[in-house]
PDB file of N, CA and C in Angstrom:
ATOM      1  N   MET A   1      13.682  13.331  33.827  1.00  0.00           N
ATOM      2  CA  MET A   1      11.924  13.703  34.417  1.00  0.00           C
ATOM      3  C   MET A   1      11.331  12.475  32.959  1.00  0.00           C
ATOM      4  N   ALA A   2       9.964  11.761  33.432  1.00  0.00           N
ATOM      5  CA  ALA A   2       9.428  10.521  32.930  1.00  0.00           C
ATOM      6  C   ALA A   2       8.504  11.363  31.544  1.00  0.00           C
ATOM      7  N   ALA A   3       8.180  10.728  30.414  1.00  0.00           N
ATOM      8  CA  ALA A   3       7.849  11.277  29.644  1.00  0.00           C
ATOM      9  C   ALA A   3       6.222  11.432  29.975  1.00  0.00           C
ATOM     10  N   VAL A   4       5.718  12.055  29.372  1.00  0.00           N
ATOM     11  CA  VAL A   4       3.964  12.010  29.670  1.00  0.00           C
ATOM     12  C   VAL A   4       3.019  11.501  28.075  1.00  0.00           C
ATOM     13  N   GLU A   5       2.155  10.766  29.259  1.00  0.00           N
ATOM     14  CA  GLU A   5       1.852   9.922  27.921  1.00  0.00           C
ATOM     15  C   GLU A   5       0.657  10.654  27.493  1.00  0.00           C
ATOM     16  N   LEU A   6       0.714  10.563  26.401  1.00  0.00           N
ATOM     17  CA  LEU A   6      -0.637  11.333  25.255  1.00  0.00           C
ATOM     18  C   LEU A   6      -1.534  10.131  25.401  1.00  0.00           C
ATOM     19  N   ASP A   7      -3.373  10.697  25.599  1.00  0.00           N
ATOM     20  CA  ASP A   7      -4.404  10.209  25.246  1.00  0.00           C
ATOM     21  C   ASP A   7      -5.109  10.494  24.208  1.00  0.00           C
ATOM     22  N   LEU A   8      -4.568   9.765  23.531  1.00  0.00           N
ATOM     23  CA  LEU A   8      -5.009   9.760  22.040  1.00  0.00           C
ATOM     24  C   LEU A   8      -6.094   9.869  21.777  1.00  0.00           C
ATOM     25  N   ARG A   9      -7.173   9.321  22.494  1.00  0.00           N
ATOM     26  CA  ARG A   9      -8.676   9.929  22.956  1.00  0.00           C
ATOM     27  C   ARG A   9      -9.208  10.789  22.801  1.00  0.00           C
ATOM     28  N   SER A  10      -8.377  11.911  23.646  1.00  0.00           N
ATOM     29  CA  SER A  10      -8.676  13.065  24.013  1.00  0.00           C
ATOM     30  C   SER A  10      -8.549  14.332  22.760  1.00  0.00           C
ATOM     31  N   LEU A  11      -8.038  13.738  21.152  1.00  0.00           N
ATOM     32  CA  LEU A  11      -7.658  14.357  20.272  1.00  0.00           C
ATOM     33  C   LEU A  11      -8.690  14.714  19.339  1.00  0.00           C
ATOM     34  N   GLY A  12      -8.499  15.848  18.398  1.00  0.00           N
ATOM     35  CA  GLY A  12      -9.698  16.010  17.538  1.00  0.00           C
ATOM     36  C   GLY A  12      -8.973  15.433  16.172  1.00  0.00           C
ATOM     37  N   TYR A  13     -10.325  15.314  15.472  1.00  0.00           N
ATOM     38  CA  TYR A  13      -9.262  14.380  14.343  1.00  0.00           C
ATOM     39  C   TYR A  13      -7.986  15.559  13.259  1.00  0.00           C
ATOM     40  N   ASP A  14      -8.256  16.458  13.507  1.00  0.00           N
ATOM     41  CA  ASP A  14      -7.027  17.091  13.187  1.00  0.00           C
ATOM     42  C   ASP A  14      -5.807  16.719  13.515  1.00  0.00           C
ATOM     43  N   ASP A  15      -5.976  16.827  14.788  1.00  0.00           N
ATOM     44  CA  ASP A  15      -4.803  16.645  15.928  1.00  0.00           C
ATOM     45  C   ASP A  15      -4.349  15.306  15.755  1.00  0.00           C
ATOM     46  N   LEU A  16      -5.194  14.018  15.838  1.00  0.00           N
ATOM     47  CA  LEU A  16      -5.137  12.801  15.997  1.00  0.00           C
ATOM     48  C   LEU A  16      -4.413  12.512  14.386  1.00  0.00           C
ATOM     49  N   ALA A  17      -4.585  12.986  13.447  1.00  0.00           N
ATOM     50  CA  ALA A  17      -4.131  12.883  12.154  1.00  0.00           C
ATOM     51  C   ALA A  17      -2.326  13.091  12.069  1.00  0.00           C
ATOM     52  N   GLN A  18      -2.390  14.428  12.709  1.00  0.00           N
ATOM     53  CA  GLN A  18      -0.781  15.273  12.858  1.00  0.00           C
ATOM     54  C   GLN A  18      -0.471  14.166  13.549  1.00  0.00           C
ATOM     55  N   GLN A  19      -1.012  13.697  14.925  1.00  0.00           N
ATOM     56  CA  GLN A  19      -0.206  13.060  15.418  1.00  0.00           C
ATOM     57  C   GLN A  19       0.261  11.494  15.350  1.00  0.00           C
ATOM     58  N   MET A  20      -0.552  10.865  14.015  1.00  0.00           N
ATOM     59  CA  MET A  20      -0.157   9.834  13.620  1.00  0.00           C
ATOM     60  C   MET A  20       0.945   9.906  12.190  1.00  0.00           C
ATOM     61  N   HIS A  21       1.225  11.348  11.957  1.00  0.00           N
ATOM     62  CA  HIS A  21       1.824  11.208  10.926  1.00  0.00           C
ATOM     63  C   HIS A  21       3.189  11.540  11.790  1.00  0.00           C
ATOM     64  N   ASP A  22       3.349  12.394  13.515  1.00  0.00           N
ATOM     65  CA  ASP A  22       4.781  12.198  13.591  1.00  0.00           C
ATOM     66  C   ASP A  22       5.055  10.743  14.238  1.00  0.00           C
ATOM     67  N   ASP A  23       3.608   9.716  14.910  1.00  0.00           N
ATOM     68  CA  ASP A  23       4.335   8.780  15.210  1.00  0.00           C
ATOM     69  C   ASP A  23       4.755   7.993  14.212  1.00  0.00           C
ATOM     70  N   LEU A  24       4.150   7.841  12.874  1.00  0.00           N
ATOM     71  CA  LEU A  24       5.116   7.086  11.695  1.00  0.00           C
ATOM     72  C   LEU A  24       6.223   7.723  11.388  1.00  0.00           C
ATOM     73  N   TYR A  25       6.297   8.923  11.607  1.00  0.00           N
ATOM     74  CA  TYR A  25       7.866   9.286  11.528  1.00  0.00           C
ATOM     75  C   TYR A  25       8.532   9.023  12.440  1.00  0.00           C
ATOM     76  N   ASP A  26       8.329   8.596  13.911  1.00  0.00           N
ATOM     77  CA  ASP A  26       8.935   8.266  14.916  1.00  0.00           C
ATOM     78  C   ASP A  26       9.439   6.482  15.201  1.00  0.00           C
ATOM     79  N   GLY A  27       8.275   6.096  14.520  1.00  0.00           N
ATOM     80  CA  GLY A  27       8.333   4.303  14.140  1.00  0.00           C
ATOM     81  C   GLY A  27       7.046   3.873  15.632  1.00  0.00           C
ATOM     82  N   MET A  28       6.460   4.215  16.015  1.00  0.00           N
ATOM     83  CA  MET A  28       5.649   4.167  17.036  1.00  0.00           C
ATOM     84  C   MET A  28       4.513   3.152  16.684  1.00  0.00           C
ATOM     85  N   LYS A  29       4.705   1.688  16.939  1.00  0.00           N
ATOM     86  CA  LYS A  29       3.998   1.166  16.192  1.00  0.00           C
ATOM     87  C   LYS A  29       2.582   0.768  16.684  1.00  0.00           C
ATOM     88  N   VAL A  30       2.231   0.500  17.679  1.00  0.00           N
ATOM     89  CA  VAL A  30       1.709   0.434  18.999  1.00  0.00           C
ATOM     90  C   VAL A  30       0.358   1.617  19.048  1.00  0.00           C
ATOM     91  N   GLU A  31       1.311   3.283  19.163  1.00  0.00           N
ATOM     92  CA  GLU A  31       0.286   3.937  18.789  1.00  0.00           C
ATOM     93  C   GLU A  31      -0.536   4.385  17.538  1.00  0.00           C
ATOM     94  N   ILE A  32       0.163   3.825  16.448  1.00  0.00           N
ATOM     95  CA  ILE A  32      -0.390   4.167  14.760  1.00  0.00           C
ATOM     96  C   ILE A  32      -1.746   2.926  15.320  1.00  0.00           C
ATOM     97  N   GLU A  33      -1.488   1.940  15.473  1.00  0.00           N
ATOM     98  CA  GLU A  33      -2.286   0.622  15.732  1.00  0.00           C
ATOM     99  C   GLU A  33      -3.421   1.019  16.335  1.00  0.00           C
ATOM    100  N   GLU A  34      -3.371   1.688  17.712  1.00  0.00           N
ATOM    101  CA  GLU A  34      -4.449   2.401  18.397  1.00  0.00           C
ATOM    102  C   GLU A  34      -4.820   3.505  17.789  1.00  0.00           C
ATOM    103  N   ALA A  35      -4.506   4.417  16.883  1.00  0.00           N
ATOM    104  CA  ALA A  35      -5.464   5.528  16.338  1.00  0.00           C
ATOM    105  C   ALA A  35      -5.907   5.221  15.324  1.00  0.00           C
ATOM    106  N   VAL A  36      -5.615   4.771  14.795  1.00  0.00           N
ATOM    107  CA  VAL A  36      -6.230   3.392  13.400  1.00  0.00           C
ATOM    108  C   VAL A  36      -7.295   3.442  13.969  1.00  0.00           C
ATOM    109  N   HIS A  37      -7.282   2.607  14.637  1.00  0.00           N
ATOM    110  CA  HIS A  37      -8.712   2.100  15.745  1.00  0.00           C
ATOM    111  C   HIS A  37      -9.232   2.796  16.512  1.00  0.00           C
ATOM    112  N   ILE A  38      -8.848   4.030  16.714  1.00  0.00           N
ATOM    113  CA  ILE A  38      -9.753   5.345  17.195  1.00  0.00           C
ATOM    114  C   ILE A  38     -10.636   6.351  16.127  1.00  0.00           C
ATOM    115  N   LEU A  39      -9.844   6.103  14.793  1.00  0.00           N
ATOM    116  CA  LEU A  39     -10.487   6.888  13.618  1.00  0.00           C
ATOM    117  C   LEU A  39     -11.674   5.925  13.290  1.00  0.00           C
ATOM    118  N   LEU A  40     -11.657   4.599  13.040  1.00  0.00           N
ATOM    119  CA  LEU A  40     -12.829   3.437  12.509  1.00  0.00           C
ATOM    120  C   LEU A  40     -13.527   3.553  13.458  1.00  0.00           C
ATOM    121  N   GLU A  41     -13.271   4.092  14.835  1.00  0.00           N
ATOM    122  CA  GLU A  41     -14.647   3.792  16.177  1.00  0.00           C
ATOM    123  C   GLU A  41     -15.170   5.018  15.374  1.00  0.00           C
ATOM    124  N   ARG A  42     -14.946   5.860  15.260  1.00  0.00           N
ATOM    125  CA  ARG A  42     -15.649   7.415  14.971  1.00  0.00           C
ATOM    126  C   ARG A  42     -15.980   7.606  13.618  1.00  0.00           C
ATOM    127  N   ASN A  43     -16.400   6.612  13.028  1.00  0.00           N
ATOM    128  CA  ASN A  43     -16.712   6.304  11.253  1.00  0.00           C
ATOM    129  C   ASN A  43     -15.987   6.932  10.267  1.00  0.00           C
ATOM    130  N   TRP A  44     -14.498   6.694  10.449  1.00  0.00           N
ATOM    131  CA  TRP A  44     -14.281   7.334   9.513  1.00  0.00           C
ATOM    132  C   TRP A  44     -14.341   5.885   8.068  1.00  0.00           C
ATOM    133  N   THR A  45     -14.146   6.318   7.510  1.00  0.00           N
ATOM    134  CA  THR A  45     -14.148   5.054   6.875  1.00  0.00           C
ATOM    135  C   THR A  45     -12.591   4.771   6.202  1.00  0.00           C
ATOM    136  N   PRO A  46     -12.077   2.926   6.778  1.00  0.00           N
ATOM    137  CA  PRO A  46     -10.811   2.796   6.353  1.00  0.00           C
ATOM    138  C   PRO A  46     -10.226   3.338   5.261  1.00  0.00           C
ATOM    139  N   TYR A  47     -10.712   4.218   3.633  1.00  0.00           N
ATOM    140  CA  TYR A  47      -9.850   4.590   2.663  1.00  0.00           C
ATOM    141  C   TYR A  47      -9.572   5.805   3.452  1.00  0.00           C
ATOM    142  N   ARG A  48     -10.780   6.907   3.992  1.00  0.00           N
ATOM    143  CA  ARG A  48     -10.086   7.756   4.867  1.00  0.00           C
ATOM    144  C   ARG A  48      -9.072   8.082   5.744  1.00  0.00           C
ATOM    145  N   THR A  49      -9.178   6.595   6.488  1.00  0.00           N
ATOM    146  CA  THR A  49      -8.115   6.279   7.938  1.00  0.00           C
ATOM    147  C   THR A  49      -6.552   6.116   6.764  1.00  0.00           C
ATOM    148  N   LEU A  50      -6.932   5.182   5.884  1.00  0.00           N
ATOM    149  CA  LEU A  50      -5.569   5.132   5.057  1.00  0.00           C
ATOM    150  C   LEU A  50      -4.615   6.630   4.426  1.00  0.00           C
ATOM    151  N   THR A  51      -6.083   7.557   3.520  1.00  0.00           N
ATOM    152  CA  THR A  51      -5.391   8.292   3.223  1.00  0.00           C
ATOM    153  C   THR A  51      -5.107  10.015   4.273  1.00  0.00           C
ATOM    154  N   GLU A  52      -5.506   9.804   4.338  1.00  0.00           N
ATOM    155  CA  GLU A  52      -5.429  11.421   5.468  1.00  0.00           C
ATOM    156  C   GLU A  52      -5.073  10.406   6.489  1.00  0.00           C
ATOM    157  N   GLY A  53      -4.396  10.074   7.551  1.00  0.00           N
ATOM    158  CA  GLY A  53      -4.245   8.931   8.576  1.00  0.00           C
ATOM    159  C   GLY A  53      -2.828   8.722   8.228  1.00  0.00           C
ATOM    160  N   LEU A  54      -2.482   7.870   7.523  1.00  0.00           N
ATOM    161  CA  LEU A  54      -1.464   7.032   7.074  1.00  0.00           C
ATOM    162  C   LEU A  54      -0.708   7.052   6.387  1.00  0.00           C
ATOM    163  N   ALA A  55      -1.055   7.312   4.406  1.00  0.00           N
ATOM    164  CA  ALA A  55      -0.799   7.443   3.603  1.00  0.00           C
ATOM    165  C   ALA A  55       0.129   9.178   3.884  1.00  0.00           C
ATOM    166  N   GLU A  56      -0.023   9.796   4.106  1.00  0.00           N
ATOM    167  CA  GLU A  56      -0.304  11.540   4.215  1.00  0.00           C
ATOM    168  C   GLU A  56       0.978  11.582   5.464  1.00  0.00           C
ATOM    169  N   GLY A  57       1.069  10.518   6.324  1.00  0.00           N
ATOM    170  CA  GLY A  57       2.130  10.470   7.083  1.00  0.00           C
ATOM    171  C   GLY A  57       3.084   9.617   6.688  1.00  0.00           C
ATOM    172  N   MET A  58       3.042   8.825   6.065  1.00  0.00           N
ATOM    173  CA  MET A  58       4.475   8.366   5.197  1.00  0.00           C
ATOM    174  C   MET A  58       4.627   8.993   4.198  1.00  0.00           C
ATOM    175  N   ARG A  59       4.098   9.756   3.404  1.00  0.00           N
ATOM    176  CA  ARG A  59       4.515  10.836   2.431  1.00  0.00           C
ATOM    177  C   ARG A  59       5.819  12.177   3.140  1.00  0.00           C
ATOM    178  N   VAL A  60       5.006  12.445   4.183  1.00  0.00           N
ATOM    179  CA  VAL A  60       6.190  13.066   5.357  1.00  0.00           C
ATOM    180  C   VAL A  60       7.339  12.267   5.319  1.00  0.00           C
ATOM    181  N   VAL A  61       7.150  11.136   6.117  1.00  0.00           N
ATOM    182  CA  VAL A  61       8.586  10.602   6.676  1.00  0.00           C
ATOM    183  C   VAL A  61       8.922  10.098   5.521  1.00  0.00           C
ATOM    184  N   GLY A  62       8.612  10.029   4.199  1.00  0.00           N
ATOM    185  CA  GLY A  62       9.482   9.623   2.450  1.00  0.00           C
ATOM    186  C   GLY A  62      10.524  10.827   2.399  1.00  0.00           C
ATOM    187  N   SER A  63       9.616  12.078   2.528  1.00  0.00           N
ATOM    188  CA  SER A  63       9.572  13.529   1.997  1.00  0.00           C
ATOM    189  C   SER A  63      11.254  13.841   2.975  1.00  0.00           C
ATOM    190  N   THR A  64      11.473  13.413   3.972  1.00  0.00           N
ATOM    191  CA  THR A  64      12.485  13.734   4.783  1.00  0.00           C
ATOM    192  C   THR A  64      14.013  12.529   5.025  1.00  0.00           C
ATOM    193  N   SER A  65      13.161  11.193   4.295  1.00  0.00           N
ATOM    194  CA  SER A  65      14.214  10.143   4.360  1.00  0.00           C
ATOM    195  C   SER A  65      14.582   9.380   3.019  1.00  0.00           C
ATOM    196  N   GLY A  66      14.315   9.970   2.174  1.00  0.00           N
ATOM    197  CA  GLY A  66      14.499  10.039   0.671  1.00  0.00           C
ATOM    198  C   GLY A  66      13.936   8.698  -0.108  1.00  0.00           C
ATOM    199  N   THR A  67      12.859   8.281   0.459  1.00  0.00           N
ATOM    200  CA  THR A  67      12.259   6.963   0.211  1.00  0.00           C
ATOM    201  C   THR A  67      10.736   7.417  -0.110  1.00  0.00           C
ATOM    202  N   VAL A  68       9.677   7.008  -0.548  1.00  0.00           N
ATOM    203  CA  VAL A  68       8.077   7.194  -1.196  1.00  0.00           C
ATOM    204  C   VAL A  68       7.418   5.919  -0.925  1.00  0.00           C
ATOM    205  N   PHE A  69       6.271   6.748  -0.538  1.00  0.00           N
ATOM    206  CA  PHE A  69       4.830   4.835  -0.391  1.00  0.00           C
ATOM    207  C   PHE A  69       4.909   5.139  -1.957  1.00  0.00           C
ATOM    208  N   CYS A  70       4.455   3.669  -2.029  1.00  0.00           N
ATOM    209  CA  CYS A  70       4.054   3.431  -3.274  1.00  0.00           C
ATOM    210  C   CYS A  70       2.870   2.399  -3.530  1.00  0.00           C
ATOM    211  N   SER A  71       1.332   3.018  -3.153  1.00  0.00           N
ATOM    212  CA  SER A  71       0.171   2.776  -3.193  1.00  0.00           C
ATOM    213  C   SER A  71      -0.621   1.390  -4.100  1.00  0.00           C
ATOM    214  N   CYS A  72       0.334   0.895  -4.885  1.00  0.00           N
ATOM    215  CA  CYS A  72      -0.079  -0.216  -5.531  1.00  0.00           C
ATOM    216  C   CYS A  72      -0.725  -1.221  -4.672  1.00  0.00           C
ATOM    217  N   GLY A  73       0.060  -1.526  -3.574  1.00  0.00           N
ATOM    218  CA  GLY A  73      -0.697  -2.432  -2.878  1.00  0.00           C
ATOM    219  C   GLY A  73      -0.160  -3.594  -2.912  1.00  0.00           C
ATOM    220  N   ARG A  74       1.079  -3.954  -3.763  1.00  0.00           N
ATOM    221  CA  ARG A  74       2.624  -4.557  -4.011  1.00  0.00           C
ATOM    222  C   ARG A  74       3.943  -3.974  -3.118  1.00  0.00           C
ATOM    223  N   CYS A  75       3.889  -2.787  -2.892  1.00  0.00           N
ATOM    224  CA  CYS A  75       5.052  -2.373  -2.882  1.00  0.00           C
ATOM    225  C   CYS A  75       4.937  -1.721  -1.194  1.00  0.00           C
ATOM    226  N   CYS A  76       6.308  -1.615  -0.609  1.00  0.00           N
ATOM    227  CA  CYS A  76       6.146  -0.849   0.568  1.00  0.00           C
ATOM    228  C   CYS A  76       6.596   0.485   0.246  1.00  0.00           C
ATOM    229  N   TRP A  77       8.261   0.499   0.264  1.00  0.00           N
ATOM    230  CA  TRP A  77       8.859   1.458   0.124  1.00  0.00           C
ATOM    231  C   TRP A  77       9.979   2.065  -0.977  1.00  0.00           C
ATOM    232  N   LEU A  78      10.147   2.179  -1.957  1.00  0.00           N
ATOM    233  CA  LEU A  78      10.736   3.102  -2.901  1.00  0.00           C
ATOM    234  C   LEU A  78      11.733   4.082  -3.076  1.00  0.00           C
ATOM    235  N   PRO A  79      12.928   3.715  -3.308  1.00  0.00           N
ATOM    236  CA  PRO A  79      13.414   4.873  -3.491  1.00  0.00           C
ATOM    237  C   PRO A  79      12.860   6.011  -4.446  1.00  0.00           C
ATOM    238  N   MET A  80      12.935   7.292  -4.019  1.00  0.00           N
ATOM    239  CA  MET A  80      12.411   8.455  -4.560  1.00  0.00           C
ATOM    240  C   MET A  80      13.250   8.869  -6.137  1.00  0.00           C
ATOM    241  N   ARG A  81      12.643   8.610  -6.397  1.00  0.00           N
ATOM    242  CA  ARG A  81      13.370   8.956  -8.728  1.00  0.00           C
ATOM    243  C   ARG A  81      13.531  10.517  -8.849  1.00  0.00           C
TER     244      ARG A  81
END
């Protein structure tokens, strides 16, 4: 059975942000890039896009993988302590 393609543009803000969290967890780079562009086109600020879309999704990934995202701008993934 073929996978059904999800139209990210058809999703509301909350559903799109949740889909970003799932796509981050699954490592879906193209879908994340598309979702970021959609949110920016919908007049989300870059800060909101980063915090509610990307950083929250990375926090979810980190909580299940034993790593956490560092927001200092110089680091990427650091071990949880």
